[in-house]
């Protein structure tokens, strides 16, 4: 099985670890292997307990790297570079895992500087064995490509020079989340619209902003746990935080597993409005 890990740290330094020199990958662990904390409660005299929820722990990743060089100096240079990429002081980086089934991504931080064992079985003039340990605070693997549901539904296309298509603007769409967990979404709502609102009719949840989105402005919504936000972006690029104008019954909802009936409305006519919805599917293992 061909596997490849690419790690890019917060400074933009990157390293490929695969089945070819100079960095050979072996024994990756933690591709699944995440413990769950089962939340439950027990009433007096109850047999057993009542299940409430399951919460995943952090993901622990580790793998071995064989550094291959032309000579001792070359091996040392590559060893120093590997340590600089996996520098825990730089915080989270992005790890990309690729095999024949596809590509997934996850944010990870080095749990210490890579280990470089001594002894003739671990190092020599043209090789050095290393062990890398990582922690992923968010345990979910994400699909590489963000899936965008277009706000324009094509009906006809013609073989003209250039692109020409007839279609209809939609204010409702079905999004199928076939990942392993509810997926946060990002929304772009183009003005004008009075009190714009995004609804998940499947769950009854919605996000409504009690503000006037002007012509040329864009409302951006992010429902990620680590980046919940609603902002208006002006024609000049200025960003206005409208979090305080969110309707009190709003929920930063996610796309549940299965079909999601998503609708967008406003207290004004939005016929022909452009709304883009994007998300990444979440997976518990690769």
Protein backbone atom coordinates (compact mmCIF):
# COMPACT_ATOMS: atom_id res chain seq x y z
CA UNK A 1 0.00 0.00 0.00
CA UNK A 2 1.42 3.37 -1.04
CA UNK A 3 1.07 5.98 1.69
CA UNK A 4 2.35 9.54 1.86
CA UNK A 5 2.36 12.13 4.62
CA UNK A 6 2.91 15.81 3.86
CA UNK A 7 3.25 18.15 6.83
CA UNK A 8 3.27 21.94 6.51
CA UNK A 9 3.98 24.00 9.62
CA UNK A 10 2.73 27.50 10.47
CA UNK A 11 5.80 29.06 8.82
CA UNK A 12 5.06 27.36 5.52
CA UNK A 13 7.90 24.83 5.78
CA UNK A 14 6.87 21.48 4.34
CA UNK A 15 8.18 17.93 4.16
CA UNK A 16 7.02 14.88 2.18
CA UNK A 17 7.39 11.50 3.90
CA UNK A 18 6.59 8.58 1.62
CA UNK A 19 8.06 5.38 0.17
CA UNK A 20 11.07 7.03 -1.44
CA UNK A 21 14.14 8.99 -0.22
CA UNK A 22 15.11 11.21 1.38
CA UNK A 23 12.34 10.65 3.98
CA UNK A 24 10.95 7.12 4.09
CA UNK A 25 7.67 6.50 5.94
CA UNK A 26 7.00 3.42 8.06
CA UNK A 27 4.66 2.26 10.85
CA UNK A 28 2.11 5.12 10.90
CA UNK A 29 -0.14 4.81 13.97
CA UNK A 30 -3.28 6.72 14.92
CA UNK A 31 -4.98 6.73 11.53
CA UNK A 32 -8.04 5.48 13.45
CA UNK A 33 -7.42 4.64 17.12
CA UNK A 34 -9.29 7.46 18.90
CA UNK A 35 -10.83 6.73 22.28
CA UNK A 36 -14.34 7.93 23.10
CA UNK A 37 -15.63 9.20 26.43
CA UNK A 38 -19.13 7.75 26.80
CA UNK A 39 -21.33 10.27 28.64
CA UNK A 40 -24.10 8.62 30.66
CA UNK A 41 -26.21 9.16 33.74
CA UNK A 42 -27.73 6.88 36.34
CA UNK A 43 -30.90 7.38 38.36
CA UNK A 44 -31.43 5.92 41.85
CA UNK A 45 -32.34 2.22 41.67
CA UNK A 46 -31.87 2.21 37.86
CA UNK A 47 -30.46 -0.95 36.34
CA UNK A 48 -27.53 0.05 34.18
CA UNK A 49 -27.41 3.65 32.97
CA UNK A 50 -28.79 6.01 30.32
CA UNK A 51 -26.64 6.94 27.36
CA UNK A 52 -26.26 10.70 26.77
CA UNK A 53 -23.51 11.20 24.19
CA UNK A 54 -20.07 10.10 23.01
CA UNK A 55 -17.17 12.55 22.94
CA UNK A 56 -14.00 11.74 21.03
CA UNK A 57 -10.60 12.31 22.62
CA UNK A 58 -7.70 13.99 20.85
CA UNK A 59 -6.05 12.00 18.09
CA UNK A 60 -2.49 10.79 18.73
CA UNK A 61 -0.41 10.24 15.59
CA UNK A 62 3.09 8.82 15.37
CA UNK A 63 5.24 7.34 12.64
CA UNK A 64 8.83 6.41 11.88
CA UNK A 65 11.00 8.18 9.33
CA UNK A 66 14.16 6.82 7.74
CA UNK A 67 16.33 9.73 6.62
CA UNK A 68 18.47 8.81 3.62
CA UNK A 69 21.42 10.97 2.52
CA UNK A 70 24.52 10.87 0.35
CA UNK A 71 26.91 11.23 3.29
CA UNK A 72 27.04 12.21 6.97
CA UNK A 73 26.79 15.95 6.24
CA UNK A 74 23.77 15.41 3.99
CA UNK A 75 22.04 13.26 6.60
CA UNK A 76 22.68 15.89 9.27
CA UNK A 77 21.23 18.64 7.06
CA UNK A 78 18.08 16.61 6.42
CA UNK A 79 17.80 15.72 10.11
CA UNK A 80 17.97 19.39 11.11
CA UNK A 81 15.35 20.28 8.51
CA UNK A 82 12.97 17.56 9.73
CA UNK A 83 13.30 18.89 13.28
CA UNK A 84 12.64 22.45 12.09
CA UNK A 85 9.44 21.40 10.28
CA UNK A 86 8.15 19.46 13.30
CA UNK A 87 8.96 22.23 15.78
CA UNK A 88 6.38 22.14 18.61
CA UNK A 89 6.94 25.86 19.31
CA UNK A 90 5.29 26.68 15.97
CA UNK A 91 1.89 25.40 17.05
CA UNK A 92 -0.52 23.63 14.75
CA UNK A 93 0.39 22.69 11.22
CA UNK A 94 -1.50 20.89 8.48
CA UNK A 95 -0.94 17.18 7.90
CA UNK A 96 -2.10 15.67 4.63
CA UNK A 97 -2.38 11.87 4.34
CA UNK A 98 -2.61 10.24 0.91
CA UNK A 99 -3.22 6.63 -0.07
CA UNK A 100 -4.98 4.87 -2.93
CA UNK A 101 -8.38 5.70 -1.40
CA UNK A 102 -7.90 9.45 -1.48
CA UNK A 103 -6.50 12.39 0.45
CA UNK A 104 -7.51 13.62 3.90
CA UNK A 105 -6.24 16.48 6.06
CA UNK A 106 -5.97 17.14 9.78
CA UNK A 107 -4.40 19.85 11.94
CA UNK A 108 -1.63 18.60 14.21
CA UNK A 109 1.06 19.89 16.55
CA UNK A 110 4.33 18.12 17.31
CA UNK A 111 4.38 16.53 20.76
CA UNK A 112 8.05 17.31 21.21
CA UNK A 113 11.03 17.45 18.87
CA UNK A 114 11.42 14.34 16.66
CA UNK A 115 13.47 11.56 18.25
CA UNK A 116 16.74 10.49 16.61
CA UNK A 117 17.83 7.22 18.29
CA UNK A 118 21.49 6.29 18.49
CA UNK A 119 23.13 2.94 17.81
CA UNK A 120 24.30 1.35 14.59
CA UNK A 121 20.86 -0.08 13.88
CA UNK A 122 19.39 3.46 13.96
CA UNK A 123 22.04 5.61 12.34
CA UNK A 124 24.96 5.36 9.96
CA UNK A 125 26.91 7.38 7.41
CA UNK A 126 23.98 7.59 4.97
CA UNK A 127 20.91 7.00 7.13
CA UNK A 128 19.19 8.06 10.35
CA UNK A 129 16.06 6.63 11.94
CA UNK A 130 13.60 9.10 13.48
CA UNK A 131 10.28 8.96 15.35
CA UNK A 132 7.69 11.75 15.04
CA UNK A 133 4.87 12.16 17.58
CA UNK A 134 1.90 14.46 16.92
CA UNK A 135 -1.28 15.52 18.72
CA UNK A 136 -4.43 16.46 16.81
CA UNK A 137 -6.73 18.49 19.12
CA UNK A 138 -9.57 18.06 16.61
CA UNK A 139 -9.67 14.28 15.98
CA UNK A 140 -11.52 14.39 12.66
CA UNK A 141 -9.92 13.90 9.27
CA UNK A 142 -11.33 16.30 6.68
CA UNK A 143 -11.93 15.76 3.00
CA UNK A 144 -9.32 17.60 0.98
CA UNK A 145 -11.66 19.29 -1.46
CA UNK A 146 -14.35 21.52 -0.03
CA UNK A 147 -17.68 20.62 -1.62
CA UNK A 148 -19.49 23.66 -2.95
CA UNK A 149 -23.17 23.57 -3.75
CA UNK A 150 -23.60 26.12 -6.55
CA UNK A 151 -26.24 28.79 -6.22
CA UNK A 152 -26.98 28.44 -9.95
CA UNK A 153 -28.60 25.29 -11.29
CA UNK A 154 -27.89 24.69 -14.95
CA UNK A 155 -30.67 23.65 -17.30
CA UNK A 156 -29.19 23.94 -20.79
CA UNK A 157 -25.75 24.50 -22.27
CA UNK A 158 -24.73 25.27 -25.83
CA UNK A 159 -21.50 24.57 -27.72
CA UNK A 160 -20.70 28.25 -28.22
CA UNK A 161 -17.21 29.67 -27.96
CA UNK A 162 -16.75 30.62 -24.36
CA UNK A 163 -19.11 29.51 -21.61
CA UNK A 164 -22.84 30.06 -21.93
CA UNK A 165 -25.49 28.36 -19.87
CA UNK A 166 -29.18 28.81 -19.20
CA UNK A 167 -30.52 27.93 -15.79
CA UNK A 168 -32.38 29.02 -12.71
CA UNK A 169 -31.37 30.59 -9.41
CA UNK A 170 -32.20 28.42 -6.39
CA UNK A 171 -33.22 29.44 -2.86
CA UNK A 172 -33.36 25.86 -1.60
CA UNK A 173 -31.13 22.85 -2.05
CA UNK A 174 -30.50 19.37 -0.71
CA UNK A 175 -26.98 18.67 0.58
CA UNK A 176 -25.99 15.10 1.38
CA UNK A 177 -23.38 14.67 4.10
CA UNK A 178 -22.03 11.12 3.78
CA UNK A 179 -19.14 11.66 6.21
CA UNK A 180 -18.89 10.19 9.72
CA UNK A 181 -19.93 13.28 11.71
CA UNK A 182 -21.96 16.50 11.42
CA UNK A 183 -20.02 18.92 9.22
CA UNK A 184 -19.63 22.65 9.89
CA UNK A 185 -20.38 24.85 6.92
CA UNK A 186 -19.31 28.17 5.46
CA UNK A 187 -21.89 30.41 3.77
CA UNK A 188 -21.48 33.39 1.44
CA UNK A 189 -24.69 35.42 1.06
CA UNK A 190 -24.46 38.25 -1.49
CA UNK A 191 -26.57 41.37 -0.89
CA UNK A 192 -28.90 43.08 -1.04
CA UNK A 193 -31.04 41.38 1.62
CA UNK A 194 -32.88 42.58 4.71
CA UNK A 195 -32.35 40.33 7.74
CA UNK A 196 -30.84 37.40 5.79
CA UNK A 197 -31.58 33.92 7.10
CA UNK A 198 -30.16 30.43 6.43
CA UNK A 199 -32.39 27.51 7.47
CA UNK A 200 -31.77 23.78 7.82
CA UNK A 201 -35.31 22.48 7.35
CA UNK A 202 -34.13 18.98 8.23
CA UNK A 203 -33.39 19.97 11.83
CA UNK A 204 -35.42 23.19 12.15
CA UNK A 205 -32.29 25.17 13.01
CA UNK A 206 -31.45 28.51 11.45
CA UNK A 207 -29.10 31.48 11.51
CA UNK A 208 -30.67 34.92 11.08
CA UNK A 209 -28.90 38.28 11.19
CA UNK A 210 -31.08 41.30 11.96
CA UNK A 211 -29.20 43.71 9.72
CA UNK A 212 -29.54 45.17 6.24
CA UNK A 213 -27.06 43.51 3.87
CA UNK A 214 -26.43 46.19 1.25
CA UNK A 215 -25.92 45.90 -2.48
CA UNK A 216 -22.35 44.71 -3.10
CA UNK A 217 -21.88 43.46 0.48
CA UNK A 218 -21.26 39.80 1.35
CA UNK A 219 -22.33 38.06 4.54
CA UNK A 220 -19.96 35.27 5.56
CA UNK A 221 -20.95 32.65 8.12
CA UNK A 222 -18.70 29.98 9.62
CA UNK A 223 -20.20 27.37 11.97
CA UNK A 224 -16.91 25.64 12.88
CA UNK A 225 -16.49 25.05 16.63
CA UNK A 226 -13.16 26.91 16.63
CA UNK A 227 -14.21 29.80 14.37
CA UNK A 228 -17.90 30.60 14.84
CA UNK A 229 -18.43 33.94 13.14
CA UNK A 230 -20.77 36.13 11.11
CA UNK A 231 -19.34 39.14 9.28
CA UNK A 232 -20.37 41.56 6.56
CA UNK A 233 -17.71 42.38 3.99
CA UNK A 234 -18.14 45.76 2.30
CA UNK A 235 -17.46 46.73 -1.28
CA UNK A 236 -14.16 48.28 -0.14
CA UNK A 237 -13.13 45.03 1.62
CA UNK A 238 -13.85 46.29 5.12
CA UNK A 239 -15.06 43.65 7.59
CA UNK A 240 -17.92 44.33 10.01
CA UNK A 241 -18.63 41.90 12.85
CA UNK A 242 -22.41 41.44 13.13
CA UNK A 243 -22.35 38.74 15.81
CA UNK A 244 -24.35 40.96 18.19
CA UNK A 245 -27.17 41.24 15.64
CA UNK A 246 -27.79 37.49 15.39
CA UNK A 247 -31.37 36.49 16.19
CA UNK A 248 -31.48 35.08 19.73
CA UNK A 249 -32.97 31.77 18.59
CA UNK A 250 -30.28 31.22 15.98
CA UNK A 251 -28.01 28.17 16.09
CA UNK A 252 -24.63 27.72 14.44
CA UNK A 253 -25.90 24.50 12.95
CA UNK A 254 -23.95 21.82 11.13
CA UNK A 255 -24.88 19.52 8.29
CA UNK A 256 -26.20 16.36 9.92
CA UNK A 257 -25.26 12.97 8.52
CA UNK A 258 -27.55 12.26 5.59
CA UNK A 259 -29.71 14.72 3.68
CA UNK A 260 -29.95 18.37 4.69
CA UNK A 261 -32.71 20.57 3.25
CA UNK A 262 -31.07 24.02 3.21
CA UNK A 263 -33.07 27.17 2.45
CA UNK A 264 -32.14 30.85 2.41
CA UNK A 265 -34.59 33.70 2.86
CA UNK A 266 -34.80 37.34 3.98
CA UNK A 267 -37.41 39.91 4.97
CA UNK A 268 -37.01 41.45 1.52
CA UNK A 269 -37.22 40.11 -2.03
CA UNK A 270 -34.06 38.07 -2.73
CA UNK A 271 -35.09 36.56 -6.03
CA UNK A 272 -31.88 36.01 -7.97
CA UNK A 273 -29.69 36.25 -4.86
CA UNK A 274 -26.39 34.36 -4.90
CA UNK A 275 -25.65 32.12 -1.93
CA UNK A 276 -22.64 29.79 -1.87
CA UNK A 277 -22.40 26.98 0.67
CA UNK A 278 -19.22 24.99 1.25
CA UNK A 279 -18.14 22.34 3.72
CA UNK A 280 -15.64 19.57 4.35
CA UNK A 281 -16.76 16.06 5.23
CA UNK A 282 -15.41 14.69 8.51
CA UNK A 283 -14.06 11.17 9.00
CA UNK A 284 -13.04 9.19 12.08
CA UNK A 285 -10.38 7.18 10.23
CA UNK A 286 -8.46 6.93 6.96
